[in-house]
Protein backbone atom coordinates (compact mmCIF):
# COMPACT_ATOMS: atom_id res chain seq x y z
CA ILE A 1 126.96 56.82 -2.23
CA ARG A 2 125.53 59.34 0.24
CA ASP A 3 126.10 62.35 -2.03
CA ARG A 4 124.50 60.51 -4.92
CA TYR A 5 121.48 59.64 -2.73
CA GLN A 6 121.12 63.20 -1.44
CA ARG A 7 121.11 64.55 -4.98
CA ARG A 8 118.40 62.12 -5.96
CA VAL A 9 116.23 62.49 -2.85
CA HIS A 10 115.86 66.03 -1.55
CA GLY A 11 113.37 68.56 -0.29
CA ALA A 12 110.05 67.22 0.92
CA ASP A 13 110.93 63.62 -0.04
CA ARG A 14 114.10 63.69 2.04
CA PHE A 15 112.20 65.26 4.93
CA ASN A 16 109.53 62.53 4.73
CA ASN A 17 112.26 59.87 4.71
CA ALA A 18 113.96 61.48 7.71
CA VAL A 19 110.70 61.61 9.70
CA TYR A 20 109.93 58.00 8.78
CA VAL A 21 113.35 56.88 9.97
CA VAL A 22 113.05 58.81 13.25
CA LYS A 23 109.64 57.24 13.89
CA ASN A 24 110.46 53.71 12.71
CA GLY A 25 114.19 53.24 12.31
CA THR A 26 117.49 53.41 14.09
CA ALA A 27 118.02 57.17 14.11
CA LYS A 28 116.86 57.70 17.68
CA ALA A 29 120.33 57.12 19.14
CA ASN A 30 121.38 58.93 22.32
CA SER A 31 120.27 62.44 21.50
CA SER A 32 120.46 65.13 24.16
CA ASN A 33 117.34 67.05 25.15
CA GLU A 34 118.68 70.06 23.24
CA GLU A 35 119.08 67.98 20.08
CA LYS A 36 115.60 66.52 20.50
CA LEU A 37 114.16 70.03 20.87
CA LYS A 38 115.85 71.14 17.65
CA VAL A 39 114.42 68.16 15.78
CA TYR A 40 110.97 68.70 17.33
CA SER A 41 110.91 72.41 16.50
CA HIS A 42 111.94 71.85 12.88
CA PHE A 43 109.30 69.12 12.54
CA LYS A 44 106.58 71.41 13.91
CA GLN A 45 107.69 74.34 11.73
CA ALA A 46 107.76 72.09 8.65
CA THR A 47 104.37 70.51 9.27
CA VAL A 48 102.36 73.26 11.02
CA GLY A 49 104.18 76.52 10.33
CA ASP A 50 104.62 79.27 12.89
CA CYS A 51 103.77 78.42 16.50
CA ASN A 52 100.01 78.86 16.84
CA THR A 53 99.35 77.97 20.48
CA LYS A 54 99.66 79.75 23.81
CA ARG A 55 102.85 79.21 25.77
CA PRO A 56 102.29 76.52 28.43
CA GLY A 57 102.13 77.50 32.09
CA MET A 58 105.14 77.73 34.36
CA LEU A 59 104.69 74.23 35.80
CA ASP A 60 104.88 72.56 32.39
CA MET A 61 108.65 72.72 31.94
CA ALA A 62 108.80 70.27 29.03
CA GLY A 63 105.90 71.97 27.26
CA LYS A 64 107.52 75.38 27.65
CA ALA A 65 110.84 74.10 26.31
CA LYS A 66 109.11 72.63 23.25
CA TRP A 67 107.04 75.77 22.71
CA ASP A 68 110.11 78.04 23.04
CA ALA A 69 112.11 75.92 20.59
CA TRP A 70 109.30 75.97 18.03
CA ASP A 71 108.51 79.67 18.51
CA ALA A 72 112.21 80.48 17.94
CA LEU A 73 111.77 79.30 14.33
CA LYS A 74 108.92 81.75 13.64
CA GLY A 75 109.08 82.96 10.05
CA MET A 76 111.15 80.02 8.76
CA SER A 77 109.73 78.62 5.53
CA THR A 78 108.42 75.07 5.28
CA GLU A 79 111.21 74.20 2.84
CA ASP A 80 113.93 75.55 5.14
CA ALA A 81 112.44 73.72 8.13
CA GLN A 82 112.36 70.47 6.13
CA LYS A 83 115.98 70.93 5.07
CA GLY A 84 116.93 71.79 8.64
CA TYR A 85 115.24 68.67 9.98
CA ALA A 86 117.15 66.41 7.57
CA ALA A 87 120.41 68.29 8.29
CA LEU A 88 119.93 67.76 12.04
CA LEU A 89 119.45 64.06 11.43
CA ASP A 90 122.63 64.06 9.31
CA GLU A 91 124.50 65.52 12.31
CA GLN A 92 122.94 63.31 14.96
CA SER A 93 122.87 60.02 13.03
CA PRO A 94 125.44 60.15 10.21
CA GLY A 95 124.60 57.59 7.54
CA TRP A 96 120.96 57.31 8.55
CA GLU A 97 119.87 56.88 4.95
CA GLU A 98 122.23 53.98 4.28
CA THR A 99 121.63 52.36 7.66
CA ASN A 100 117.87 52.44 7.06
CA ALA A 101 117.88 51.77 3.31
CA GLU A 102 115.79 48.60 3.66
CA LEU A 103 113.28 50.35 5.91
CA LEU A 104 112.97 53.23 3.44
CA LYS A 105 112.57 50.83 0.53
CA ASN A 106 109.56 49.33 2.31
CA LYS A 107 108.03 52.68 3.35
CA PRO A 108 104.33 52.68 2.39
CA GLU A 109 103.61 54.47 -0.88
CA GLY A 110 102.48 58.05 -0.29
CA TRP A 111 103.45 58.02 3.42
CA THR A 112 103.64 61.50 4.90
CA PRO A 113 104.17 62.66 8.47
């Protein structure tokens, strides 16, 4: 079932579904900070592009970690960042599409992150 679904829903649509599930579904699980940073950086690269802000000051540890993770993806295409985001969700929450099928079926038409 999963392979069939992935063939049907891919690229930007799969990315949008993945973001929707992370924001509204059951894919939050017990991710480590490192895993959360990978997801965050791929989301930012996919939606904004290359890091376009100054690095936070030395007292903002969380901000620096997020900035560093995002800046590390500099030059990655939107499409690759979208694929990477969905692939990270596949690793962290196997079966997220099936588990959240009802949620995705009721996703508002035209929803984008």
